C-alpha cells in the first residue's frame, strides 16, 4: 500500500531519541566545535567535547555558557538538553575549593557517572587579568 507512494517518509532514530550520531569526517569550526553530519537524519550536527551531538542550527548550551562573564558549574540534563542549575564560582577560588564545590553539587543533584546528568565547569578567564 505504501510502497509506491512518494509522500511516505520514515522517521529516523534520532527523531525519537534526540540522540544524533556522527557519520563521516569531522571538522573543527572557527570556535573549536566539532562539526559533522548525523548518520541518521543527514543534518549538520556539532559537539564541543565529542560526547554529545546537537543540531548545528539549534540552541547550543555550551556556547552560551562559554560566553558567560564568570566561572560557574552548570548541571545539565543531557537527554532533555536543559540546564537544571547554575552555581557561580567566586573569583580567585583555588582548585581544592572547586573540587569540593563540584562534589557538593553532585551530592545535591544525585549525580551518577554515566547517567543523564552532567556537571560542567566553565572557567572564565579575564582578558584584563591575562594582559598584566
Protein backbone atom coordinates (compact mmCIF):
# COMPACT_ATOMS: atom_id res chain seq x y z
CA UNK A 1 0.00 0.00 0.00
CA UNK A 2 2.77 2.48 0.89
CA UNK A 3 5.43 1.06 -1.40
CA UNK A 4 4.55 3.26 -4.37
CA UNK A 5 3.68 6.47 -2.52
CA UNK A 6 6.23 9.23 -2.89
CA UNK A 7 4.92 11.16 0.13
CA UNK A 8 5.54 8.39 2.70
CA UNK A 9 8.56 9.04 4.94
CA UNK A 10 10.14 7.01 7.69
CA UNK A 11 11.30 8.68 10.89
CA UNK A 12 14.93 8.38 11.86
CA UNK A 13 16.10 7.02 15.24
CA UNK A 14 17.37 10.48 16.24
CA UNK A 15 13.86 11.89 15.76
CA UNK A 16 12.62 9.60 18.54
CA UNK A 17 15.62 9.65 20.87
CA UNK A 18 17.03 13.15 20.13
CA UNK A 19 20.45 11.49 20.07
CA UNK A 20 22.43 12.23 16.93
CA UNK A 21 25.41 10.11 15.88
CA UNK A 22 28.24 11.44 13.75
CA UNK A 23 28.92 9.94 10.37
CA UNK A 24 31.95 10.56 8.23
CA UNK A 25 34.64 13.17 8.53
CA UNK A 26 34.60 15.56 11.50
CA UNK A 27 35.81 19.12 11.09
CA UNK A 28 36.56 21.94 13.52
CA UNK A 29 34.56 25.16 13.30
CA UNK A 30 36.17 28.57 13.88
CA UNK A 31 35.16 28.47 17.55
CA UNK A 32 36.66 24.99 18.07
CA UNK A 33 33.46 22.94 17.95
CA UNK A 34 33.41 19.65 16.07
CA UNK A 35 31.04 19.66 13.09
CA UNK A 36 29.80 16.60 11.23
CA UNK A 37 26.70 15.05 9.63
CA UNK A 38 24.26 12.84 11.55
CA UNK A 39 24.34 9.30 10.23
CA UNK A 40 20.55 9.02 10.55
CA UNK A 41 18.93 12.33 9.57
CA UNK A 42 21.88 13.62 7.46
CA UNK A 43 21.66 17.06 9.11
CA UNK A 44 24.67 19.07 10.29
CA UNK A 45 25.47 18.40 13.95
CA UNK A 46 28.05 19.84 16.37
CA UNK A 47 29.77 18.92 19.61
CA UNK A 48 32.23 20.68 21.92
CA UNK A 49 33.72 17.60 23.56
CA UNK A 50 32.82 14.87 21.06
CA UNK A 51 30.43 13.16 23.51
CA UNK A 52 27.08 14.87 22.99
CA UNK A 53 25.96 15.91 19.50
CA UNK A 54 23.29 18.53 18.76
CA UNK A 55 21.84 20.02 15.60
CA UNK A 56 24.18 22.72 14.30
CA UNK A 57 21.33 25.15 13.72
CA UNK A 58 19.80 24.62 17.17
CA UNK A 59 20.48 26.22 20.54
CA UNK A 60 23.99 25.48 21.80
CA UNK A 61 24.02 25.47 25.61
CA UNK A 62 27.79 25.09 25.69
CA UNK A 63 28.34 28.16 23.50
CA UNK A 64 26.07 30.19 25.76
CA UNK A 65 27.94 29.00 28.83
CA UNK A 66 31.31 29.81 27.26
CA UNK A 67 30.25 33.41 26.67
CA UNK A 68 29.45 34.00 30.36
CA UNK A 69 31.20 36.62 32.45
CA UNK A 70 32.02 34.45 35.50
CA UNK A 71 33.24 30.91 36.19
CA UNK A 72 30.44 28.55 37.15
CA UNK A 73 29.17 25.00 37.32
CA UNK A 74 26.18 24.03 35.19
CA UNK A 75 24.10 20.95 35.95
CA UNK A 76 22.79 19.76 32.58
CA UNK A 77 20.21 17.10 31.75
CA UNK A 78 21.85 15.89 28.55
CA UNK A 79 18.89 13.84 27.35
CA UNK A 80 16.48 16.79 27.65
CA UNK A 81 19.05 19.42 26.64
CA UNK A 82 18.26 21.58 29.66
CA UNK A 83 20.36 23.43 32.20
CA UNK A 84 18.86 22.47 35.56
CA UNK A 85 21.04 24.64 37.79
CA UNK A 86 23.98 27.01 37.67
CA UNK A 87 26.37 27.70 40.53
CA UNK A 88 28.73 30.67 40.32
CA UNK A 89 32.31 30.12 41.47
CA UNK A 90 33.72 33.10 43.37
CA UNK A 91 36.72 34.76 41.67
CA UNK A 92 40.09 33.54 42.94
CA UNK A 93 38.78 30.16 44.14
CA UNK A 94 41.57 27.56 44.25
CA UNK A 95 41.46 24.07 42.69
CA UNK A 96 40.72 22.33 46.01
CA UNK A 97 37.70 24.54 46.73
CA UNK A 98 36.45 23.99 43.17
CA UNK A 99 36.70 20.20 43.63
CA UNK A 100 34.80 20.46 46.94
CA UNK A 101 32.12 22.59 45.32
CA UNK A 102 31.75 20.07 42.48
CA UNK A 103 31.35 17.21 45.00
CA UNK A 104 28.69 19.15 46.92
CA UNK A 105 26.77 19.88 43.70
CA UNK A 106 27.00 16.22 42.65
CA UNK A 107 25.60 15.11 46.02
CA UNK A 108 22.79 17.68 45.94
CA UNK A 109 21.61 16.58 42.47
CA UNK A 110 22.18 12.84 42.93
CA UNK A 111 24.81 12.75 40.18
CA UNK A 112 25.64 9.24 38.93
CA UNK A 113 28.56 8.79 36.49
CA UNK A 114 27.20 7.65 33.12
CA UNK A 115 23.70 8.94 33.92
CA UNK A 116 21.63 11.63 32.22
CA UNK A 117 23.12 14.48 34.28
CA UNK A 118 26.42 16.21 33.60
CA UNK A 119 28.17 18.72 35.80
CA UNK A 120 30.09 21.10 33.57
CA UNK A 121 32.68 23.54 34.84
CA UNK A 122 33.01 26.68 32.74
CA UNK A 123 36.11 28.69 33.58
CA UNK A 124 36.00 32.36 32.75
CA UNK A 125 39.39 33.83 32.01
CA UNK A 126 39.51 37.56 32.50
CA UNK A 127 41.12 39.17 29.45
CA UNK A 128 42.41 42.12 31.52
CA UNK A 129 43.97 39.78 34.06
CA UNK A 130 45.86 37.88 31.31
CA UNK A 131 47.47 41.05 29.98
CA UNK A 132 49.05 42.01 33.30
